[in-house]
Amino acid sequence: MKIFNTLSGQKEPLQPIEPGKVRMYVCGMTVYDLCHLGHARVLVIFDVVVRHLRDSGYEVTYVRNITDIDDKIIQRANEVGEDFNALTGRFIEAMHEDCAALGVLPPNEEPRATESMESIVGMVATLMDKGYAYAGESGDIYYAVKKFKSYGRLSGRRLDDLQAGARVDVDEAKADPMDFVLWKRAKPGEPSWDSPWGPGRPGWHIECSAMSTDCLGSHFDIHGGGMDLKFPHHENEIAQSEAATGEPFVNCWMHNGFVRVAEEKMSKSLGNFFTVREVLKQYPAEVVRYFILSSQYRSPLNYSDQNLQNAAGAMERLYLALRGLPGDEKCPTNPEAKARFRAAMDDDFNTPEALAVLFELAKEINRKRENAVHEATALAASLRRLGAVLGLLQDDPEAFLRQSTGDAGADDAHIDSLVAQRDEARRTKDWANADRLRDELQLMGIVVEDGAGGSSWRRGS
């Protein structure tokens, strides 16, 4: 298995620190608002990474944190007149609901910044003791970037170039423009925690360093997150963690690409974002997962209704191949399909190539389902099993095919009634009425498929 390591700029073989075990940390949500599709990409991508690693026989410890205290959270709580704990509690619950809807498995551990203060304060104190941190005139504690000689190696940025463009805000009192805050002295009315330097709260970067090393140890295998976190967040994590522990921090850094809308990055600051809940009102969850996985994780993902409609059509074709075939779990996975699928996923989690294997299986199922039902059933079991590694094809085919994309239109009971009336018209050879009912269903976007045992229907994509 090879993974593209941002630190080296190339694909490298996965070589766990402890054979057979993988420890992975991913930067999670800052919970001051609902998750948008950019967040969904992070959640789904690393969910698939974990699923494939486990399917490959690795014992995975997956940690995804929650940032539940920072400037944005305090600002939003003040704007809506709500206690910050109540605010973050609401959005944590909403995030968990979105994860469940998208089929994202829970991480092994989900530490929260507010519950990790002892570790955070301890790491800041260690950095102070080792001379990597200092107290500014304002009472804030800063990390001295120049003390860490290899600063910039993750992002490929030179410290001299960074310093040339840096600035110091008027309310800061740090020794160097590139230094960043580790601990913020409490301001009136803000949440605070006790520390050796007085009441305050942590800076954003130190939270992840403390939580990751607390859960996974000083040196672990994989650290992931969005491309926007590479600098300065992940660069600062390396500087803090390695200075504090004296050990290498992470072996492999994984960064997923942006979701783009009209050639711009999707983000709350630009106001061009779509929440997970908005998208799931229009498209089934597995369609959204397919859309996310249709692009290799490091590439940009272009959001559009057309691309989501294409994903809906693709999932429909896969489920049509499974329709009417029993899910025989005793059937072994087709060895050729499994080998091609695993080769794709072992090549830096190449999900588009893995999806192509699913379509090859679907095509073969359709070819055999009339005259070789046993073989088709075995292939269908393989399709479901490989789809599960991607979190796909876990629904009942009939249930999925009856879901709508866009306007939900008529309810299932009304459609069932019309289809039953048409079946009765066909039984009594009332062809004119049968044709009228088919036309009515077509106008509703319903595709009717006739079979020996009666008619079935699905919503057209």
Protein backbone atom coordinates (compact mmCIF):
# COMPACT_ATOMS: atom_id res chain seq x y z
CA MET A 1 0.00 0.00 0.00
CA LYS A 2 1.34 3.42 -1.00
CA ILE A 3 0.14 6.79 0.30
CA PHE A 4 1.07 10.26 -0.95
CA ASN A 5 2.97 11.91 1.90
CA THR A 6 2.71 15.69 1.84
CA LEU A 7 5.89 15.86 3.90
CA SER A 8 8.01 14.17 1.20
CA GLY A 9 5.90 15.15 -1.81
CA GLN A 10 5.69 11.58 -3.11
CA LYS A 11 3.94 8.26 -2.65
CA GLU A 12 5.53 6.09 0.01
CA PRO A 13 4.87 2.54 1.22
CA LEU A 14 2.80 2.36 4.38
CA GLN A 15 5.17 1.12 7.09
CA PRO A 16 3.40 1.31 10.45
CA ILE A 17 5.52 2.08 13.49
CA GLU A 18 3.99 -0.99 15.13
CA PRO A 19 3.53 -3.82 12.60
CA GLY A 20 -0.10 -4.53 11.79
CA LYS A 21 -1.37 -1.45 13.63
CA VAL A 22 -2.07 2.04 12.29
CA ARG A 23 -2.58 5.11 14.49
CA MET A 24 -4.26 8.00 12.68
CA TYR A 25 -5.37 11.49 13.72
CA VAL A 26 -7.58 13.77 11.63
CA CYS A 27 -8.42 17.38 12.40
CA GLY A 28 -12.17 17.48 12.97
CA MET A 29 -14.77 20.21 13.08
CA THR A 30 -14.74 23.59 14.79
CA VAL A 31 -18.31 23.45 16.03
CA TYR A 32 -19.83 26.91 15.63
CA ASP A 33 -22.08 26.11 12.65
CA LEU A 34 -23.51 23.25 10.61
CA CYS A 35 -21.18 21.05 8.56
CA HIS A 36 -20.92 21.97 4.88
CA LEU A 37 -19.94 19.81 1.93
CA GLY A 38 -16.25 20.65 2.40
CA HIS A 39 -16.43 19.14 5.87
CA ALA A 40 -18.33 16.17 4.45
CA ARG A 41 -15.43 15.47 2.10
CA VAL A 42 -12.97 15.26 5.02
CA LEU A 43 -15.36 13.03 6.99
CA VAL A 44 -16.06 10.65 4.09
CA ILE A 45 -12.50 10.48 2.73
CA PHE A 46 -10.92 9.48 6.02
CA ASP A 47 -13.81 7.17 6.81
CA VAL A 48 -12.94 5.31 3.59
CA VAL A 49 -9.23 5.34 4.50
CA VAL A 50 -10.07 3.65 7.81
CA ARG A 51 -12.45 1.17 6.17
CA HIS A 52 -9.82 0.11 3.61
CA LEU A 53 -7.04 -0.17 6.18
CA ARG A 54 -9.23 -2.41 8.34
CA ASP A 55 -10.36 -4.43 5.33
CA SER A 56 -6.66 -4.92 4.55
CA GLY A 57 -6.08 -6.46 7.98
CA TYR A 58 -4.71 -3.49 9.93
CA GLU A 59 -5.82 -2.72 13.46
CA VAL A 60 -6.64 0.98 13.21
CA THR A 61 -6.91 3.48 16.05
CA TYR A 62 -8.67 6.48 14.53
CA VAL A 63 -8.84 9.77 16.45
CA ARG A 64 -10.81 12.75 15.15
CA ASN A 65 -10.96 15.75 17.45
CA ILE A 66 -13.56 18.42 18.11
CA THR A 67 -12.51 22.05 18.52
CA ASP A 68 -15.11 23.38 20.95
CA ILE A 69 -13.40 26.59 22.05
CA ASP A 70 -11.87 29.26 19.83
CA ASP A 71 -12.44 32.83 18.62
CA LYS A 72 -15.20 31.91 16.12
CA ILE A 73 -17.12 29.96 18.73
CA ILE A 74 -16.96 32.82 21.23
CA GLN A 75 -17.98 35.32 18.55
CA ARG A 76 -20.96 33.22 17.41
CA ALA A 77 -22.10 32.59 21.01
CA ASN A 78 -22.01 36.34 21.66
CA GLU A 79 -23.90 37.08 18.43
CA VAL A 80 -26.78 34.75 19.30
CA GLY A 81 -26.69 35.38 23.06
CA GLU A 82 -26.04 31.76 23.96
CA ASP A 83 -23.66 30.08 26.39
CA PHE A 84 -20.75 28.71 24.38
CA ASN A 85 -21.21 25.21 25.82
CA ALA A 86 -24.84 25.16 24.72
CA LEU A 87 -23.85 26.41 21.27
CA THR A 88 -21.14 23.83 20.74
CA GLY A 89 -23.35 21.10 22.20
CA ARG A 90 -26.01 21.81 19.56
CA PHE A 91 -23.54 21.74 16.70
CA ILE A 92 -21.75 18.62 17.98
CA GLU A 93 -25.09 16.82 18.01
CA ALA A 94 -25.83 18.11 14.49
CA MET A 95 -22.40 16.95 13.29
CA HIS A 96 -22.99 13.47 14.67
CA GLU A 97 -26.37 13.36 12.92
CA ASP A 98 -24.74 14.40 9.63
CA CYS A 99 -22.05 11.74 10.05
CA ALA A 100 -24.66 9.06 10.68
CA ALA A 101 -26.67 10.19 7.65
CA LEU A 102 -23.57 9.97 5.44
CA GLY A 103 -22.63 6.53 6.77
CA VAL A 104 -19.45 7.84 8.44
CA LEU A 105 -18.33 5.42 11.15
CA PRO A 106 -17.51 6.91 14.57
CA PRO A 107 -13.80 7.33 15.35
CA ASN A 108 -12.23 5.29 18.14
CA GLU A 109 -11.71 8.48 20.13
CA GLU A 110 -13.19 11.96 19.73
CA PRO A 111 -11.37 14.26 22.18
CA ARG A 112 -12.64 17.77 22.78
CA ALA A 113 -10.41 20.75 23.45
CA THR A 114 -12.38 21.79 26.54
CA GLU A 115 -11.88 18.31 28.02
CA SER A 116 -8.13 18.29 27.26
CA MET A 117 -6.96 21.35 29.20
CA GLU A 118 -4.60 19.43 31.47
CA SER A 119 -2.71 18.04 28.45
CA ILE A 120 -2.74 21.42 26.69
CA VAL A 121 -1.42 23.32 29.70
CA GLY A 122 1.19 20.60 30.26
CA MET A 123 2.50 20.88 26.71
CA VAL A 124 2.71 24.68 26.90
CA ALA A 125 4.59 24.39 30.18
CA THR A 126 7.05 21.94 28.60
CA LEU A 127 7.65 24.34 25.71
CA MET A 128 8.27 27.14 28.20
CA ASP A 129 10.73 24.99 30.16
CA LYS A 130 12.62 24.05 26.97
CA GLY A 131 12.92 27.64 25.79
CA TYR A 132 10.56 27.32 22.80
CA ALA A 133 7.88 29.54 24.31
CA TYR A 134 7.76 32.85 26.15
CA ALA A 135 5.32 35.24 27.79
CA GLY A 136 4.54 38.37 25.80
CA GLU A 137 3.95 41.76 27.33
CA SER A 138 0.20 41.17 26.98
CA GLY A 139 0.37 38.05 29.16
CA ASP A 140 -0.21 35.72 26.22
CA ILE A 141 2.21 32.80 25.72
CA TYR A 142 3.88 32.56 22.29
CA TYR A 143 5.83 29.92 20.42
CA ALA A 144 9.24 31.18 19.23
CA VAL A 145 9.26 29.96 15.61
CA LYS A 146 12.95 30.75 14.99
CA LYS A 147 13.89 28.27 17.71
CA PHE A 148 12.57 25.40 15.59
CA LYS A 149 15.15 25.08 12.83
CA SER A 150 13.13 22.91 10.42
CA TYR A 151 10.02 25.13 10.42
CA GLY A 152 8.37 25.13 6.99
CA ARG A 153 9.33 21.66 5.81
CA LEU A 154 5.72 20.45 5.50
CA SER A 155 4.45 23.40 3.48
CA GLY A 156 7.72 24.00 1.62
CA ARG A 157 7.84 27.63 2.77
CA ARG A 158 11.04 29.39 3.79
CA LEU A 159 11.01 31.19 7.11
CA ASP A 160 12.72 34.25 5.61
CA ASP A 161 10.01 34.58 2.97
CA LEU A 162 7.27 34.14 5.54
CA GLN A 163 8.75 36.80 7.79
CA ALA A 164 8.89 39.28 4.93
CA GLY A 165 5.12 39.17 4.56
CA ALA A 166 4.20 38.84 8.23
CA ARG A 167 2.56 41.56 10.28
CA VAL A 168 1.86 42.15 13.96
CA ASP A 169 -1.60 43.27 15.09
CA VAL A 170 -1.70 46.27 17.38
CA ASP A 171 -3.05 44.21 20.29
CA GLU A 172 -0.24 41.66 20.10
CA ALA A 173 3.04 41.85 21.99
CA LYS A 174 5.16 39.09 20.51
CA ALA A 175 8.87 39.17 19.87
CA ASP A 176 8.72 38.15 16.21
CA PRO A 177 5.96 38.52 13.60
CA MET A 178 6.05 34.77 12.83
CA ASP A 179 5.52 33.66 16.43
CA PHE A 180 2.07 32.27 17.20
CA VAL A 181 -0.01 32.14 20.34
CA LEU A 182 -0.10 29.03 22.54
CA TRP A 183 -2.13 30.40 25.43
CA LYS A 184 -4.38 33.47 25.41
CA ARG A 185 -4.76 35.49 28.57
CA ALA A 186 -8.42 35.70 29.64
CA LYS A 187 -10.44 38.72 28.50
CA PRO A 188 -13.47 39.97 30.43
CA GLY A 189 -16.55 37.86 29.76
CA GLU A 190 -14.69 35.11 27.88
CA PRO A 191 -14.50 31.45 28.97
CA SER A 192 -11.22 30.67 30.72
CA TRP A 193 -9.28 27.91 32.45
CA ASP A 194 -6.59 28.07 35.13
CA SER A 195 -2.93 27.84 34.17
CA PRO A 196 0.48 28.72 35.65
CA TRP A 197 0.28 31.97 33.65
CA GLY A 198 -3.15 32.94 34.93
CA PRO A 199 -6.67 32.27 33.60
CA GLY A 200 -6.90 31.91 29.83
CA ARG A 201 -7.63 29.56 26.95
CA PRO A 202 -5.52 27.73 24.38
CA GLY A 203 -4.56 28.82 20.91
CA TRP A 204 -5.99 26.66 18.15
CA HIS A 205 -2.75 24.95 17.07
CA ILE A 206 -1.72 23.68 20.50
CA GLU A 207 -5.08 21.97 20.97
CA CYS A 208 -4.42 19.42 18.21
CA SER A 209 -0.83 18.78 19.28
CA ALA A 210 -1.97 18.00 22.81
CA MET A 211 -4.98 15.91 21.85
CA SER A 212 -3.20 13.85 19.18
CA THR A 213 -0.16 12.99 21.31
CA ASP A 214 -2.37 12.37 24.34
CA CYS A 215 -4.44 9.80 22.41
CA LEU A 216 -1.82 8.28 20.09
CA GLY A 217 1.58 8.94 21.67
CA SER A 218 4.40 11.29 20.69
CA HIS A 219 5.03 9.55 17.36
CA PHE A 220 2.25 8.07 15.21
CA ASP A 221 1.58 6.93 11.66
CA ILE A 222 -0.86 9.20 9.81
CA HIS A 223 -2.16 12.73 10.30
CA GLY A 224 -4.90 13.97 7.98
CA GLY A 225 -7.01 16.98 7.20
CA GLY A 226 -8.01 19.44 4.51
CA MET A 227 -5.43 21.08 2.25
CA ASP A 228 -6.19 24.45 3.88
CA LEU A 229 -4.75 23.17 7.18
CA LYS A 230 -1.29 22.37 5.79
CA PHE A 231 -0.12 25.91 6.63
CA PRO A 232 -0.05 27.24 9.22
CA HIS A 233 -2.00 24.77 11.36
CA HIS A 234 -0.17 21.53 10.59
CA GLU A 235 3.17 23.27 10.25
CA ASN A 236 2.68 24.66 13.73
CA GLU A 237 1.60 21.29 15.08
CA ILE A 238 4.90 19.78 13.95
CA ALA A 239 6.92 22.61 15.52
CA GLN A 240 5.10 22.40 18.86
CA SER A 241 4.95 18.63 19.12
CA GLU A 242 8.52 17.83 18.13
CA ALA A 243 9.91 20.62 20.30
CA ALA A 244 7.90 19.37 23.29
CA THR A 245 8.56 15.64 22.92
CA GLY A 246 11.97 15.56 21.21
CA GLU A 247 10.60 12.87 18.84
CA PRO A 248 9.38 12.81 15.23
CA PHE A 249 5.69 13.72 15.26
CA VAL A 250 4.03 12.02 12.28
CA ASN A 251 5.34 9.69 9.56
CA CYS A 252 2.76 10.41 6.84
CA TRP A 253 0.70 13.56 6.24
CA MET A 254 -2.46 13.25 4.13
CA HIS A 255 -4.34 16.28 2.79
CA ASN A 256 -7.54 16.18 0.77
CA GLY A 257 -8.32 18.75 -1.92
CA PHE A 258 -10.92 21.50 -1.79
CA VAL A 259 -14.56 21.33 -2.81
CA ARG A 260 -14.99 24.05 -5.43
CA VAL A 261 -18.04 26.01 -6.58
CA ALA A 262 -17.66 28.00 -9.80
CA GLU A 263 -13.88 27.61 -9.58
CA GLU A 264 -13.73 28.98 -6.02
CA LYS A 265 -13.05 27.03 -2.83
CA MET A 266 -16.23 26.29 -0.90
CA SER A 267 -16.00 28.08 2.45
CA LYS A 268 -18.09 29.88 5.00
CA SER A 269 -15.98 33.03 4.65
CA LEU A 270 -16.87 33.28 0.94
CA GLY A 271 -20.54 32.48 1.60
CA ASN A 272 -20.63 29.90 -1.22
CA PHE A 273 -21.15 26.82 0.90
CA PHE A 274 -23.92 24.24 1.00
CA THR A 275 -24.61 22.49 4.28
CA VAL A 276 -24.73 18.71 4.40
CA ARG A 277 -28.39 18.97 5.39
CA GLU A 278 -29.27 21.12 2.39
CA VAL A 279 -27.63 18.66 0.00
CA LEU A 280 -29.23 15.62 1.66
CA LYS A 281 -32.67 17.15 1.12
CA GLN A 282 -32.00 16.90 -2.60
CA TYR A 283 -29.94 13.72 -2.90
CA PRO A 284 -29.75 10.36 -1.07
CA ALA A 285 -26.76 10.02 1.24
CA GLU A 286 -25.08 7.31 -0.85
CA VAL A 287 -25.30 9.59 -3.90
CA VAL A 288 -23.43 12.27 -1.95
CA ARG A 289 -20.81 9.71 -0.86
CA TYR A 290 -20.42 8.53 -4.46
CA PHE A 291 -20.01 12.13 -5.63
CA ILE A 292 -17.25 12.69 -3.05
CA LEU A 293 -15.47 9.45 -3.99
CA SER A 294 -15.77 10.01 -7.75
CA SER A 295 -12.69 12.24 -7.55
CA GLN A 296 -9.33 11.13 -6.13
CA TYR A 297 -9.06 12.63 -2.65
CA ARG A 298 -6.12 14.94 -3.41
CA SER A 299 -7.86 16.46 -6.46
CA PRO A 300 -10.37 19.33 -6.40
CA LEU A 301 -14.01 18.24 -6.23
CA ASN A 302 -16.31 20.40 -8.35
CA TYR A 303 -19.76 20.87 -6.87
CA SER A 304 -22.66 21.20 -9.31
CA ASP A 305 -26.16 19.82 -9.64
CA GLN A 306 -25.09 18.11 -12.85
CA ASN A 307 -22.25 16.26 -11.10
CA LEU A 308 -24.60 15.16 -8.33
CA GLN A 309 -27.17 14.04 -10.91
CA ASN A 310 -24.41 12.04 -12.60
CA ALA A 311 -23.62 10.44 -9.24
CA ALA A 312 -27.31 9.62 -8.77
CA GLY A 313 -27.41 7.94 -12.18
CA ALA A 314 -24.28 5.94 -11.39
CA MET A 315 -25.67 4.68 -8.07
CA GLU A 316 -28.91 3.80 -9.80
CA ARG A 317 -27.05 1.60 -12.30
CA LEU A 318 -25.24 -0.21 -9.49
CA TYR A 319 -28.44 -0.82 -7.53
CA LEU A 320 -30.28 -1.97 -10.66
CA ALA A 321 -27.62 -4.66 -11.03
CA LEU A 322 -28.36 -5.83 -7.46
CA ARG A 323 -32.13 -5.66 -7.82
CA GLY A 324 -33.88 -8.98 -7.40
CA LEU A 325 -30.76 -10.89 -6.41
CA PRO A 326 -30.38 -12.28 -2.86
CA GLY A 327 -27.56 -10.98 -0.70
CA ASP A 328 -25.76 -14.28 -0.13
CA GLU A 329 -23.07 -13.45 2.43
CA LYS A 330 -21.63 -16.98 2.20
CA CYS A 331 -20.38 -16.41 -1.35
CA PRO A 332 -16.65 -15.63 -1.47
CA THR A 333 -15.59 -12.35 -3.04
CA ASN A 334 -14.68 -12.71 -6.69
CA PRO A 335 -10.86 -12.97 -6.56
CA GLU A 336 -10.18 -11.04 -9.78
CA ALA A 337 -12.49 -8.16 -8.83
CA LYS A 338 -11.09 -8.10 -5.30
CA ALA A 339 -7.51 -7.94 -6.61
CA ARG A 340 -8.31 -5.05 -8.99
CA PHE A 341 -10.25 -3.21 -6.31
CA ARG A 342 -7.50 -3.62 -3.72
CA ALA A 343 -4.82 -2.56 -6.23
CA ALA A 344 -6.75 0.66 -6.85
CA MET A 345 -7.24 1.40 -3.17
CA ASP A 346 -3.65 0.47 -2.31
CA ASP A 347 -2.53 3.09 -4.83
CA ASP A 348 -3.13 6.13 -2.58
CA PHE A 349 -6.83 5.33 -2.14
CA ASN A 350 -7.70 5.72 -5.82
CA THR A 351 -11.48 5.63 -5.38
CA PRO A 352 -12.35 6.45 -9.04
CA GLU A 353 -10.49 3.30 -10.14
CA ALA A 354 -12.13 1.31 -7.34
CA LEU A 355 -15.55 2.51 -8.51
CA ALA A 356 -14.70 1.36 -12.03
CA VAL A 357 -14.27 -2.17 -10.63
CA LEU A 358 -17.78 -1.99 -9.17
CA PHE A 359 -19.18 -1.11 -12.60
CA GLU A 360 -17.33 -4.01 -14.19
CA LEU A 361 -19.01 -6.30 -11.68
CA ALA A 362 -22.42 -4.72 -12.34
CA LYS A 363 -21.99 -5.23 -16.08
CA GLU A 364 -21.12 -8.90 -15.56
CA ILE A 365 -24.11 -9.37 -13.22
CA ASN A 366 -26.47 -7.96 -15.85
CA ARG A 367 -24.97 -10.28 -18.47
CA LYS A 368 -25.49 -13.39 -16.33
CA ARG A 369 -28.69 -12.67 -14.41
CA GLU A 370 -31.04 -14.26 -16.98
CA ASN A 371 -29.23 -17.52 -17.74
CA ALA A 372 -26.77 -17.95 -14.86
CA VAL A 373 -28.58 -16.73 -11.74
CA HIS A 374 -26.24 -18.55 -9.34
CA GLU A 375 -23.18 -16.83 -10.85
CA ALA A 376 -25.00 -13.49 -10.87
CA THR A 377 -25.88 -13.94 -7.19
CA ALA A 378 -22.24 -14.65 -6.30
CA LEU A 379 -21.11 -11.57 -8.24
CA ALA A 380 -23.77 -9.48 -6.50
CA ALA A 381 -22.37 -10.56 -3.13
CA SER A 382 -18.93 -9.43 -4.31
CA LEU A 383 -20.36 -6.10 -5.47
CA ARG A 384 -21.95 -5.48 -2.08
CA ARG A 385 -18.84 -6.54 -0.18
CA LEU A 386 -16.47 -4.30 -2.15
CA GLY A 387 -18.99 -1.48 -2.09
CA ALA A 388 -19.01 -1.68 1.70
CA VAL A 389 -15.33 -0.70 1.79
CA LEU A 390 -16.45 2.59 0.23
CA GLY A 391 -19.56 2.80 2.41
CA LEU A 392 -21.77 2.20 -0.65
CA LEU A 393 -24.46 -0.31 -1.70
CA GLN A 394 -25.58 -0.93 1.86
CA ASP A 395 -29.26 -0.13 1.24
CA ASP A 396 -32.00 -2.42 -0.04
CA PRO A 397 -32.08 -1.97 -3.83
CA GLU A 398 -35.84 -1.39 -3.94
CA ALA A 399 -35.66 1.15 -1.13
CA PHE A 400 -32.80 3.02 -2.81
CA LEU A 401 -34.42 3.04 -6.24
CA ARG A 402 -37.59 4.51 -4.79
CA GLN A 403 -35.73 7.50 -3.38
CA SER A 404 -35.93 10.73 -5.31
CA THR A 405 -33.40 13.33 -6.28
CA GLY A 406 -34.67 16.89 -6.29
CA ASP A 407 -38.41 17.37 -5.71
CA ALA A 408 -39.76 14.33 -3.87
CA GLY A 409 -43.07 14.53 -5.76
CA ALA A 410 -45.73 11.87 -5.06
CA ASP A 411 -45.39 9.61 -2.04
CA ASP A 412 -44.69 5.90 -2.30
CA ALA A 413 -48.21 4.85 -1.31
CA HIS A 414 -49.78 6.83 -4.16
CA ILE A 415 -47.28 5.41 -6.67
CA ASP A 416 -47.88 1.86 -5.37
CA SER A 417 -51.61 2.40 -5.90
CA LEU A 418 -51.17 3.56 -9.50
CA VAL A 419 -48.81 0.67 -10.30
CA ALA A 420 -51.29 -1.81 -8.78
CA GLN A 421 -54.11 -0.29 -10.87
CA ARG A 422 -51.97 -0.64 -13.98
CA ASP A 423 -51.15 -4.27 -13.14
CA GLU A 424 -54.88 -4.96 -12.81
CA ALA A 425 -55.56 -3.21 -16.13
CA ARG A 426 -52.92 -5.36 -17.80
CA ARG A 427 -54.34 -8.51 -16.20
CA THR A 428 -57.80 -7.73 -17.60
CA LYS A 429 -56.26 -6.63 -20.92
CA ASP A 430 -57.55 -3.08 -20.52
CA TRP A 431 -54.60 -1.83 -22.53
CA ALA A 432 -55.88 1.73 -22.96
CA ASN A 433 -56.13 2.22 -19.19
CA ALA A 434 -52.76 0.51 -18.65
CA ASP A 435 -51.13 2.90 -21.15
CA ARG A 436 -52.83 5.90 -19.52
CA LEU A 437 -51.55 4.90 -16.10
CA ARG A 438 -48.01 4.36 -17.45
CA ASP A 439 -48.11 7.85 -19.02
CA GLU A 440 -49.31 9.34 -15.73
CA LEU A 441 -46.46 7.65 -13.86
CA GLN A 442 -43.92 8.81 -16.43
CA LEU A 443 -45.08 12.41 -15.99
CA MET A 444 -44.37 11.96 -12.28
CA GLY A 445 -40.81 10.83 -13.10
CA ILE A 446 -41.55 7.18 -12.29
CA VAL A 447 -39.98 4.39 -14.35
CA VAL A 448 -42.15 1.24 -14.41
CA GLU A 449 -40.52 -2.09 -15.20
CA ASP A 450 -42.73 -5.09 -16.02
CA GLY A 451 -41.79 -8.60 -14.97
CA ALA A 452 -43.33 -12.06 -14.75
CA GLY A 453 -44.27 -11.52 -11.12
CA GLY A 454 -45.75 -8.06 -11.64
CA SER A 455 -44.43 -4.55 -12.08
CA SER A 456 -41.80 -2.68 -10.07
CA TRP A 457 -40.99 1.00 -10.13
CA ARG A 458 -38.24 3.47 -9.41
CA ARG A 459 -37.81 7.19 -9.53
CA GLY A 460 -35.96 8.37 -12.61
CA SER A 461 -32.63 10.17 -12.06
